[in-house]
Amino acid sequence: MSYKSRKLKRINENNMPGAFRALGNLKYRVILEGIIVGLLVGVVISAFRFILSRMDILRNIIVGLADPEEGTFLTGLEGHRWIGFIILGVFAFLVSYFVYKEPYISGSGIPQIKGELMGRIKTDWLKVLLLKFFGGIMAIGSGLALGREGPSIQLGGMVGKGFSRLSGRLKSEERMLISAGAGAGLAAAFGAPLAGVVFVLEELRKDFDPKVLLSTMAASVTSEYVASFVFGLDPVFAVFAFSKPTLTDYWMILILGVLLGALGVLYNKAIAFSQDLQGKIRPAWLKAVIACGMVILMAYLYPVCLGSGHILVEETGFGLHTSETIVLLLAVRFIYSVYSFGTGAPGGIFLPLLVLGALAGGAFTTLVSPLAGLPVGNEAFYVILGMAGLFAAIVRAPLTGIILISEMTGTLSSLLPLSLVALVSFLTAEALGGEPVYDQLLDRILNKK
């Protein structure tokens, strides 16, 4: 070994402790930054969820005004239907104006976050944060079949980006903070901190970076802790009582997985068709008028299908609907969900697709169990399987789906059947050539851009 090589070796060896100390300090700093971002995201998403819950009450009032036979919360105003129409119209035009001013708030916001992390999309974090917050409240609260999780993920990502910009972080660190904020947004939206971490690694990043893992975990746990102060520690969905089938009955889970995989591919294609069709509507305000009319129509015909449809999951799980009713609700919700997302209004598809999965699982067991000679009345088990399977087929993130459903239902006792149905539905969707929904939506955004 030459003198120069020996000298370089001694220098490197002398610097080793300092390097380890720097690495340890970096981990602590990453965790601290994640906690700060998680705290901010927890406040923002808690406010978002709380206002949305008040909007649900307002929508029920509007539905009562629009259909007096169903009752109303406002005594003496049964005949003033125009009040509800005006409110819906104002919401529709404001949402349309917000999307016009900032196109990147359109839809769920998850493809935009993916594009940002890839360096393909650049957004004004403050503008997106404000318009997505209020636009999402009006779009989801008005009754369109949209969910809060997509906006929550985008809002969380923008909080992370804002913290990075205001604190002068490097670009690579900014992407880490956007990821942490996005995971924290999902955690606070659904009370699912572990799912927030896994979603970032499995879907948004598609890689494993220890720094991203630490920062996202710190942010997700912190944001969920903040949200728990407002909404409590109960799972998002009421805890279902169910009995798991024996191993000899697992053939039903295999069939359900195949059906959910096919339904997921159909859903993604229907989303693309709806976006193409509604993208041709001109002028833009006409789309808002049609959306307002659709909400009013649903308020008259199927008011239970308005909004994200959270109540349908619990009603189906508790066996409150007949097989004919579940099939009808599944068809109506499928069409209405596809239409709602095709409008481009700020809102996600996580919760709507989980509702579809729950209805599909409920319909499957109420129709197939009698034919197979199995006892009826275990809808809750297949509701849970349906949600996990359809999520895996549509989003193509099976691990996230398994963990998300487990956290949202407050049970970890069904990991084997959940894993089986998610794997089968995933493979079925892959075999049918369907494209993951968020890749599909990101390609559309980049092509338009």
Protein backbone atom coordinates (compact mmCIF):
# COMPACT_ATOMS: atom_id res chain seq x y z
CA MET A 1 0.00 0.00 0.00
CA SER A 2 1.40 3.39 -1.00
CA TYR A 3 2.01 6.25 1.44
CA LYS A 4 -0.88 8.22 -0.07
CA SER A 5 -3.30 5.29 0.31
CA ARG A 6 -2.25 4.71 3.94
CA LYS A 7 -2.74 8.41 4.68
CA LEU A 8 -6.23 8.44 3.13
CA LYS A 9 -7.11 5.32 5.14
CA ARG A 10 -6.03 6.98 8.40
CA ILE A 11 -8.05 10.10 7.56
CA ASN A 12 -11.17 8.05 6.80
CA GLU A 13 -10.75 6.02 9.98
CA ASN A 14 -10.34 9.18 12.05
CA ASN A 15 -13.51 10.60 10.55
CA MET A 16 -15.60 7.45 11.13
CA PRO A 17 -16.97 8.42 14.58
CA GLY A 18 -17.94 11.83 13.29
CA ALA A 19 -19.72 10.25 10.34
CA PHE A 20 -21.67 7.95 12.63
CA ARG A 21 -22.59 10.87 14.85
CA ALA A 22 -23.77 12.82 11.81
CA LEU A 23 -25.87 9.85 10.69
CA GLY A 24 -27.42 9.57 14.14
CA ASN A 25 -28.14 13.30 14.24
CA LEU A 26 -29.77 13.08 10.81
CA LYS A 27 -32.17 10.40 12.05
CA TYR A 28 -33.17 12.53 15.02
CA ARG A 29 -33.67 15.56 12.80
CA VAL A 30 -35.76 13.57 10.32
CA ILE A 31 -37.99 12.30 13.14
CA LEU A 32 -38.31 15.80 14.64
CA GLU A 33 -39.29 17.26 11.27
CA GLY A 34 -41.82 14.46 10.83
CA ILE A 35 -43.36 15.26 14.20
CA ILE A 36 -43.67 18.96 13.31
CA VAL A 37 -45.23 18.18 9.92
CA GLY A 38 -47.54 15.62 11.53
CA LEU A 39 -48.70 18.16 14.09
CA LEU A 40 -49.54 20.70 11.40
CA VAL A 41 -51.22 18.11 9.18
CA GLY A 42 -53.23 16.80 12.13
CA VAL A 43 -54.65 20.26 12.77
CA VAL A 44 -55.48 20.88 9.09
CA ILE A 45 -57.09 17.48 8.46
CA SER A 46 -59.01 17.54 11.74
CA ALA A 47 -60.50 20.87 10.72
CA PHE A 48 -61.24 19.43 7.26
CA ARG A 49 -63.02 16.38 8.72
CA PHE A 50 -64.93 18.42 11.28
CA ILE A 51 -66.28 20.87 8.71
CA LEU A 52 -67.22 17.97 6.43
CA SER A 53 -69.23 16.42 9.27
CA ARG A 54 -71.12 19.71 9.62
CA MET A 55 -71.64 19.73 5.86
CA ASP A 56 -73.27 16.32 6.12
CA ILE A 57 -75.83 17.85 8.46
CA LEU A 58 -76.38 20.73 6.04
CA ARG A 59 -76.83 18.27 3.17
CA ASN A 60 -79.41 16.36 5.17
CA ILE A 61 -81.23 19.63 5.66
CA ILE A 62 -81.12 20.28 1.94
CA VAL A 63 -82.40 16.78 1.21
CA GLY A 64 -85.20 17.35 3.68
CA LEU A 65 -86.14 20.58 1.93
CA ALA A 66 -85.98 18.93 -1.48
CA ASP A 67 -88.13 15.98 -0.42
CA PRO A 68 -90.62 16.96 2.31
CA GLU A 69 -91.99 13.42 2.50
CA GLU A 70 -88.66 12.30 3.95
CA GLY A 71 -88.91 14.93 6.69
CA THR A 72 -86.87 18.03 7.35
CA PHE A 73 -84.73 19.46 10.09
CA LEU A 74 -86.22 22.94 9.60
CA THR A 75 -89.82 23.14 10.71
CA GLY A 76 -91.99 25.34 8.54
CA LEU A 77 -89.64 25.47 5.55
CA GLU A 78 -90.78 22.29 3.81
CA GLY A 79 -92.08 24.15 0.78
CA HIS A 80 -88.97 26.27 0.18
CA ARG A 81 -87.13 23.85 -2.05
CA TRP A 82 -85.35 26.67 -3.81
CA ILE A 83 -83.15 27.22 -0.74
CA GLY A 84 -81.50 23.83 -1.22
CA PHE A 85 -81.20 24.36 -4.97
CA ILE A 86 -79.50 27.73 -4.48
CA ILE A 87 -77.03 26.33 -1.94
CA LEU A 88 -76.11 23.43 -4.20
CA GLY A 89 -75.77 25.78 -7.16
CA VAL A 90 -73.47 28.12 -5.28
CA PHE A 91 -71.31 25.20 -4.18
CA ALA A 92 -71.11 23.82 -7.72
CA PHE A 93 -70.06 27.12 -9.29
CA LEU A 94 -67.52 27.89 -6.55
CA VAL A 95 -65.93 24.46 -6.99
CA SER A 96 -65.85 24.98 -10.76
CA TYR A 97 -64.20 28.37 -10.29
CA PHE A 98 -61.61 26.96 -7.87
CA VAL A 99 -60.66 24.21 -10.32
CA TYR A 100 -60.41 26.79 -13.09
CA LYS A 101 -58.04 28.93 -10.99
CA GLU A 102 -55.93 25.94 -9.92
CA PRO A 103 -56.32 22.80 -12.07
CA TYR A 104 -54.07 20.79 -9.75
CA ILE A 105 -56.78 20.63 -7.07
CA SER A 106 -58.97 18.59 -9.42
CA GLY A 107 -59.78 15.01 -8.46
CA SER A 108 -58.28 13.16 -5.54
CA GLY A 109 -54.90 14.91 -5.49
CA ILE A 110 -52.92 11.69 -5.09
CA PRO A 111 -51.69 11.64 -8.72
CA GLN A 112 -50.56 15.24 -8.27
CA ILE A 113 -48.53 14.24 -5.21
CA LYS A 114 -46.99 11.35 -7.15
CA GLY A 115 -46.10 13.72 -9.98
CA GLU A 116 -44.57 16.16 -7.50
CA LEU A 117 -42.40 13.44 -5.99
CA MET A 118 -41.29 12.41 -9.49
CA GLY A 119 -40.35 15.99 -10.33
CA ARG A 120 -42.92 16.10 -13.16
CA ILE A 121 -45.36 18.52 -11.49
CA LYS A 122 -44.71 21.78 -9.66
CA THR A 123 -47.45 23.36 -7.58
CA ASP A 124 -47.99 26.51 -5.55
CA TRP A 125 -48.36 24.86 -2.15
CA LEU A 126 -50.30 27.67 -0.48
CA LYS A 127 -52.73 28.11 -3.36
CA VAL A 128 -53.39 24.37 -3.62
CA LEU A 129 -53.73 24.09 0.17
CA LEU A 130 -56.40 26.79 0.42
CA LEU A 131 -58.41 25.98 -2.70
CA LYS A 132 -58.30 22.21 -2.12
CA PHE A 133 -59.44 22.69 1.47
CA PHE A 134 -62.51 24.76 0.67
CA GLY A 135 -63.18 23.18 -2.74
CA GLY A 136 -63.08 19.69 -1.21
CA ILE A 137 -65.47 20.69 1.55
CA MET A 138 -68.02 22.02 -0.94
CA ALA A 139 -67.63 19.19 -3.47
CA ILE A 140 -67.83 16.36 -0.93
CA GLY A 141 -70.32 18.13 1.31
CA SER A 142 -72.68 18.85 -1.59
CA GLY A 143 -73.40 15.15 -2.04
CA LEU A 144 -71.12 13.96 -4.84
CA ALA A 145 -69.83 10.42 -4.28
CA LEU A 146 -66.33 11.51 -3.33
CA GLY A 147 -64.09 10.74 -0.36
CA ARG A 148 -62.00 12.82 2.02
CA GLU A 149 -58.84 10.71 1.85
CA GLY A 150 -57.50 12.01 -1.50
CA PRO A 151 -57.83 15.67 -0.52
CA SER A 152 -56.38 14.83 2.91
CA ILE A 153 -53.32 13.24 1.31
CA GLN A 154 -52.80 16.22 -1.01
CA LEU A 155 -53.40 18.71 1.80
CA GLY A 156 -50.88 16.84 3.95
CA GLY A 157 -48.34 16.85 1.13
CA MET A 158 -48.78 20.59 0.64
CA VAL A 159 -48.30 21.19 4.37
CA GLY A 160 -45.04 19.24 4.14
CA LYS A 161 -43.97 21.25 1.11
CA GLY A 162 -44.89 24.53 2.79
CA PHE A 163 -42.85 23.60 5.87
CA SER A 164 -39.91 22.75 3.61
CA ARG A 165 -40.11 26.04 1.70
CA LEU A 166 -40.53 28.19 4.80
CA SER A 167 -37.62 26.49 6.56
CA GLY A 168 -35.33 26.54 3.51
CA ARG A 169 -34.86 22.81 3.04
CA LEU A 170 -33.11 21.18 0.08
CA LYS A 171 -35.13 19.69 -2.77
CA SER A 172 -34.42 16.09 -1.72
CA GLU A 173 -35.51 16.88 1.83
CA GLU A 174 -38.60 18.64 0.50
CA ARG A 175 -39.72 15.47 -1.23
CA MET A 176 -39.22 13.56 1.98
CA LEU A 177 -41.40 16.07 3.85
CA ILE A 178 -44.08 15.94 1.13
CA SER A 179 -44.14 12.16 1.54
CA ALA A 180 -44.37 12.47 5.32
CA GLY A 181 -47.19 14.99 5.04
CA ALA A 182 -49.10 12.80 2.58
CA GLY A 183 -48.88 9.78 4.88
CA ALA A 184 -49.94 11.92 7.82
CA GLY A 185 -52.94 13.12 5.81
CA LEU A 186 -54.15 9.56 5.24
CA ALA A 187 -53.52 8.68 8.88
CA ALA A 188 -55.60 11.61 10.16
CA ALA A 189 -58.35 11.11 7.57
CA PHE A 190 -59.03 7.46 8.44
CA GLY A 191 -57.42 6.91 11.83
CA ALA A 192 -54.88 4.63 10.14
CA PRO A 193 -51.27 5.65 10.91
CA LEU A 194 -49.70 2.38 9.76
CA ALA A 195 -51.64 2.47 6.48
CA GLY A 196 -50.36 6.02 5.95
CA VAL A 197 -46.77 4.80 6.19
CA VAL A 198 -47.31 1.77 3.96
CA PHE A 199 -49.22 3.79 1.34
CA VAL A 200 -46.30 6.21 0.99
CA LEU A 201 -43.78 3.41 0.53
CA GLU A 202 -45.95 1.11 -1.62
CA GLU A 203 -47.84 3.58 -3.82
CA LEU A 204 -46.36 7.09 -3.72
CA ARG A 205 -42.63 6.31 -3.56
CA LYS A 206 -42.52 2.66 -4.69
CA ASP A 207 -39.20 2.28 -2.86
CA PHE A 208 -37.85 1.91 0.65
CA ASP A 209 -35.84 4.82 2.06
CA PRO A 210 -35.11 4.66 5.82
CA LYS A 211 -35.31 8.45 6.13
CA VAL A 212 -38.72 8.51 4.44
CA LEU A 213 -39.86 5.65 6.66
CA LEU A 214 -38.82 7.43 9.87
CA SER A 215 -40.21 10.83 8.92
CA THR A 216 -43.49 9.40 7.61
CA MET A 217 -43.97 7.20 10.65
CA ALA A 218 -43.35 10.13 13.00
CA ALA A 219 -45.71 12.36 11.00
CA SER A 220 -48.46 9.72 10.71
CA VAL A 221 -48.45 8.83 14.41
CA THR A 222 -48.44 12.50 15.40
CA SER A 223 -51.26 13.51 13.04
CA GLU A 224 -53.44 10.60 14.15
CA TYR A 225 -52.78 11.55 17.80
CA VAL A 226 -54.00 15.07 17.07
CA ALA A 227 -57.07 13.81 15.20
CA SER A 228 -57.92 11.45 18.05
CA PHE A 229 -58.46 14.43 20.34
CA VAL A 230 -61.26 15.60 18.04
CA PHE A 231 -62.81 12.32 16.85
CA GLY A 232 -61.85 9.84 19.54
CA LEU A 233 -60.12 6.48 19.30
CA ASP A 234 -63.00 4.45 17.84
CA PRO A 235 -62.44 2.89 14.39
CA VAL A 236 -63.88 4.70 11.37
CA PHE A 237 -66.29 1.83 10.78
CA ALA A 238 -68.32 0.33 13.61
CA VAL A 239 -66.82 -2.90 14.87
CA PHE A 240 -68.58 -5.79 13.16
CA ALA A 241 -69.29 -9.08 14.89
CA PHE A 242 -68.61 -11.91 12.47
CA SER A 243 -67.54 -15.53 12.36
CA LYS A 244 -64.81 -16.59 9.98
CA PRO A 245 -65.51 -19.50 7.63
CA THR A 246 -63.67 -22.77 7.93
CA LEU A 247 -60.71 -23.48 5.68
CA THR A 248 -62.87 -25.76 3.53
CA ASP A 249 -65.06 -22.76 2.66
CA TYR A 250 -62.16 -20.61 1.43
CA TRP A 251 -63.14 -21.38 -2.14
CA MET A 252 -65.72 -18.60 -1.74
CA ILE A 253 -62.93 -16.14 -0.96
CA LEU A 254 -61.11 -17.19 -4.14
CA ILE A 255 -64.22 -16.62 -6.26
CA LEU A 256 -64.88 -13.29 -4.56
CA GLY A 257 -61.30 -12.21 -5.29
CA VAL A 258 -61.70 -12.99 -9.00
CA LEU A 259 -64.99 -11.07 -9.18
CA LEU A 260 -63.52 -8.08 -7.33
CA GLY A 261 -60.52 -8.03 -9.65
CA ALA A 262 -62.79 -7.87 -12.68
CA LEU A 263 -64.96 -5.20 -11.03
CA GLY A 264 -61.86 -3.14 -10.26
CA VAL A 265 -60.72 -3.17 -13.89
CA LEU A 266 -64.23 -2.20 -15.00
CA TYR A 267 -64.28 0.64 -12.48
CA ASN A 268 -60.96 2.09 -13.70
CA LYS A 269 -62.10 1.93 -17.32
CA ALA A 270 -65.40 3.55 -16.39
CA ILE A 271 -63.52 6.36 -14.61
CA ALA A 272 -61.50 7.05 -17.76
CA PHE A 273 -64.65 6.99 -19.90
CA SER A 274 -66.45 9.39 -17.55
CA GLN A 275 -63.52 11.81 -17.58
CA ASP A 276 -63.33 11.72 -21.40
CA LEU A 277 -67.06 12.24 -21.74
CA GLN A 278 -67.36 15.08 -19.24
CA GLY A 279 -64.17 16.68 -20.50
CA LYS A 280 -66.01 17.48 -23.74
CA ILE A 281 -68.70 19.52 -21.98
CA ARG A 282 -68.40 23.19 -22.87
CA PRO A 283 -68.60 25.77 -21.44
CA ALA A 284 -67.19 24.77 -18.05
CA TRP A 285 -70.11 26.22 -16.09
CA LEU A 286 -72.45 23.77 -17.84
CA LYS A 287 -70.62 20.90 -16.12
CA ALA A 288 -71.39 22.55 -12.77
CA VAL A 289 -75.08 22.84 -13.70
CA ILE A 290 -75.24 19.14 -14.65
CA ALA A 291 -73.45 18.14 -11.43
CA CYS A 292 -75.92 20.18 -9.39
CA GLY A 293 -78.79 18.52 -11.22
CA MET A 294 -77.35 15.03 -10.56
CA VAL A 295 -77.09 15.73 -6.83
CA ILE A 296 -80.71 16.94 -6.75
CA LEU A 297 -81.82 13.89 -8.73
CA MET A 298 -80.06 11.56 -6.30
CA ALA A 299 -81.60 13.46 -3.38
CA TYR A 300 -85.04 12.60 -4.78
CA LEU A 301 -84.37 9.00 -5.88
CA TYR A 302 -81.65 7.54 -3.63
CA PRO A 303 -80.70 9.99 -0.87
CA VAL A 304 -78.84 7.24 0.98
CA CYS A 305 -76.33 7.15 -1.91
CA LEU A 306 -75.37 10.81 -1.52
CA GLY A 307 -71.91 11.68 -0.25
CA SER A 308 -69.11 9.27 0.52
CA GLY A 309 -71.58 6.51 1.50
CA HIS A 310 -70.01 5.69 4.86
CA ILE A 311 -73.36 4.62 6.34
CA LEU A 312 -73.88 2.02 3.60
CA VAL A 313 -70.85 0.04 4.79
CA GLU A 314 -72.21 -0.28 8.31
CA GLU A 315 -75.78 -1.00 7.20
CA THR A 316 -74.57 -3.78 4.90
CA GLY A 317 -72.23 -5.16 7.55
CA PHE A 318 -75.04 -5.36 10.08
CA GLY A 319 -77.26 -7.19 7.56
CA LEU A 320 -79.90 -4.48 7.29
CA HIS A 321 -80.46 -4.89 3.53
CA THR A 322 -81.82 -7.71 1.44
CA SER A 323 -79.81 -9.13 -1.45
CA GLU A 324 -81.99 -7.29 -3.99
CA THR A 325 -81.47 -3.97 -2.19
CA ILE A 326 -77.69 -4.48 -1.97
CA VAL A 327 -77.43 -5.26 -5.69
CA LEU A 328 -79.48 -2.16 -6.54
CA LEU A 329 -77.36 0.04 -4.25
CA LEU A 330 -74.20 -1.41 -5.78
CA ALA A 331 -75.35 -0.51 -9.30
CA VAL A 332 -76.49 2.99 -8.34
CA ARG A 333 -73.37 3.75 -6.32
CA PHE A 334 -71.11 2.45 -9.10
CA ILE A 335 -72.67 4.75 -11.68
CA TYR A 336 -72.88 7.74 -9.34
CA SER A 337 -69.29 7.29 -8.10
CA VAL A 338 -67.93 7.09 -11.65
CA TYR A 339 -69.92 10.16 -12.63
CA SER A 340 -68.88 12.14 -9.55
CA PHE A 341 -65.16 11.55 -10.04
CA GLY A 342 -65.45 12.31 -13.74
CA THR A 343 -66.60 15.85 -12.93
CA GLY A 344 -63.08 16.73 -11.79
CA ALA A 345 -64.36 18.12 -8.50
CA PRO A 346 -61.87 17.98 -5.59
CA GLY A 347 -62.52 14.65 -3.90
CA GLY A 348 -61.06 11.17 -3.54
CA ILE A 349 -62.09 7.66 -4.53
CA PHE A 350 -60.74 5.72 -1.54
CA LEU A 351 -63.92 5.82 0.51
CA PRO A 352 -66.31 5.49 -2.48
CA LEU A 353 -64.43 2.42 -3.70
CA LEU A 354 -64.46 0.94 -0.20
CA VAL A 355 -68.24 1.42 -0.17
CA LEU A 356 -68.48 -0.37 -3.51
CA GLY A 357 -66.30 -3.17 -2.17
CA ALA A 358 -68.49 -3.49 0.93
CA LEU A 359 -71.65 -3.67 -1.19
CA ALA A 360 -70.02 -6.17 -3.55
CA GLY A 361 -68.97 -8.37 -0.63
CA GLY A 362 -72.43 -8.14 0.92
CA ALA A 363 -74.16 -8.95 -2.34
CA PHE A 364 -71.83 -11.89 -2.94
CA THR A 365 -72.49 -13.62 0.37
CA THR A 366 -76.26 -13.03 0.35
CA LEU A 367 -76.53 -14.50 -3.15
CA VAL A 368 -73.93 -17.29 -3.07
CA SER A 369 -74.22 -18.61 0.50
CA PRO A 370 -77.77 -20.01 0.05
CA LEU A 371 -76.75 -21.65 -3.23
CA ALA A 372 -73.75 -23.25 -1.55
CA GLY A 373 -75.79 -24.43 1.41
CA LEU A 374 -73.93 -22.17 3.82
CA PRO A 375 -75.61 -20.18 6.61
CA VAL A 376 -76.67 -16.62 5.80
CA GLY A 377 -76.06 -13.72 8.15
CA ASN A 378 -72.28 -13.29 8.01
CA GLU A 379 -72.33 -10.22 5.79
CA ALA A 380 -69.83 -8.35 7.98
CA PHE A 381 -66.99 -10.76 7.14
CA TYR A 382 -67.52 -10.43 3.39
CA VAL A 383 -67.98 -6.67 3.66
CA ILE A 384 -64.46 -6.46 5.07
CA LEU A 385 -63.12 -8.81 2.39
CA GLY A 386 -64.89 -6.84 -0.34
CA MET A 387 -63.30 -3.57 0.74
CA ALA A 388 -59.78 -5.01 0.83
CA GLY A 389 -60.16 -6.91 -2.44
CA LEU A 390 -61.58 -4.04 -4.47
CA PHE A 391 -58.96 -1.66 -3.09
CA ALA A 392 -56.19 -4.04 -4.20
CA ALA A 393 -57.75 -4.36 -7.67
CA ILE A 394 -58.30 -0.63 -8.27
CA VAL A 395 -55.30 0.97 -6.56
CA ARG A 396 -53.02 -2.05 -7.03
CA ALA A 397 -51.61 -1.64 -3.53
CA PRO A 398 -52.67 -4.84 -1.72
CA LEU A 399 -50.57 -4.36 1.41
CA THR A 400 -52.00 -0.89 1.98
CA GLY A 401 -55.50 -2.25 1.49
CA ILE A 402 -55.04 -5.04 4.03
CA ILE A 403 -53.62 -2.73 6.70
CA LEU A 404 -56.06 0.08 5.95
CA ILE A 405 -59.13 -2.13 6.32
CA SER A 406 -57.73 -3.71 9.48
CA GLU A 407 -57.21 -0.30 11.08
CA MET A 408 -60.51 1.16 9.88
CA THR A 409 -62.50 -1.78 11.26
CA GLY A 410 -60.43 -2.18 14.41
CA THR A 411 -59.68 -5.86 13.86
CA LEU A 412 -56.47 -7.74 13.06
CA SER A 413 -57.96 -11.21 13.34
CA SER A 414 -58.62 -11.73 9.62
CA LEU A 415 -55.21 -11.18 8.06
CA LEU A 416 -55.16 -14.55 6.27
CA PRO A 417 -58.48 -14.17 4.38
CA LEU A 418 -57.77 -10.46 3.77
CA SER A 419 -54.39 -11.33 2.29
CA LEU A 420 -55.90 -14.09 0.16
CA VAL A 421 -58.69 -11.97 -1.33
CA ALA A 422 -56.32 -9.03 -1.92
CA LEU A 423 -53.78 -11.25 -3.68
CA VAL A 424 -56.36 -12.94 -5.90
CA SER A 425 -58.07 -9.67 -6.86
CA PHE A 426 -54.68 -8.08 -7.55
CA LEU A 427 -53.59 -10.94 -9.81
CA THR A 428 -56.95 -10.95 -11.59
CA ALA A 429 -56.72 -7.23 -12.34
CA GLU A 430 -53.15 -7.69 -13.58
CA ALA A 431 -54.19 -10.59 -15.80
CA LEU A 432 -57.02 -8.54 -17.31
CA GLY A 433 -54.58 -5.78 -18.22
CA GLY A 434 -56.09 -3.06 -16.08
CA GLU A 435 -53.92 -0.07 -15.21
CA PRO A 436 -53.62 1.09 -11.56
CA VAL A 437 -55.99 3.99 -11.08
CA TYR A 438 -53.46 6.54 -9.84
CA ASP A 439 -50.98 5.74 -12.62
CA GLN A 440 -53.86 6.11 -15.06
CA LEU A 441 -54.85 9.48 -13.59
CA LEU A 442 -51.25 10.74 -13.46
CA ASP A 443 -50.72 9.87 -17.13
CA ARG A 444 -53.85 11.86 -17.97
CA ILE A 445 -52.59 14.89 -16.03
CA LEU A 446 -49.14 14.78 -17.62
CA ASN A 447 -50.55 14.34 -21.13
CA LYS A 448 -52.87 17.30 -20.60
CA LYS A 449 -50.00 19.32 -19.15
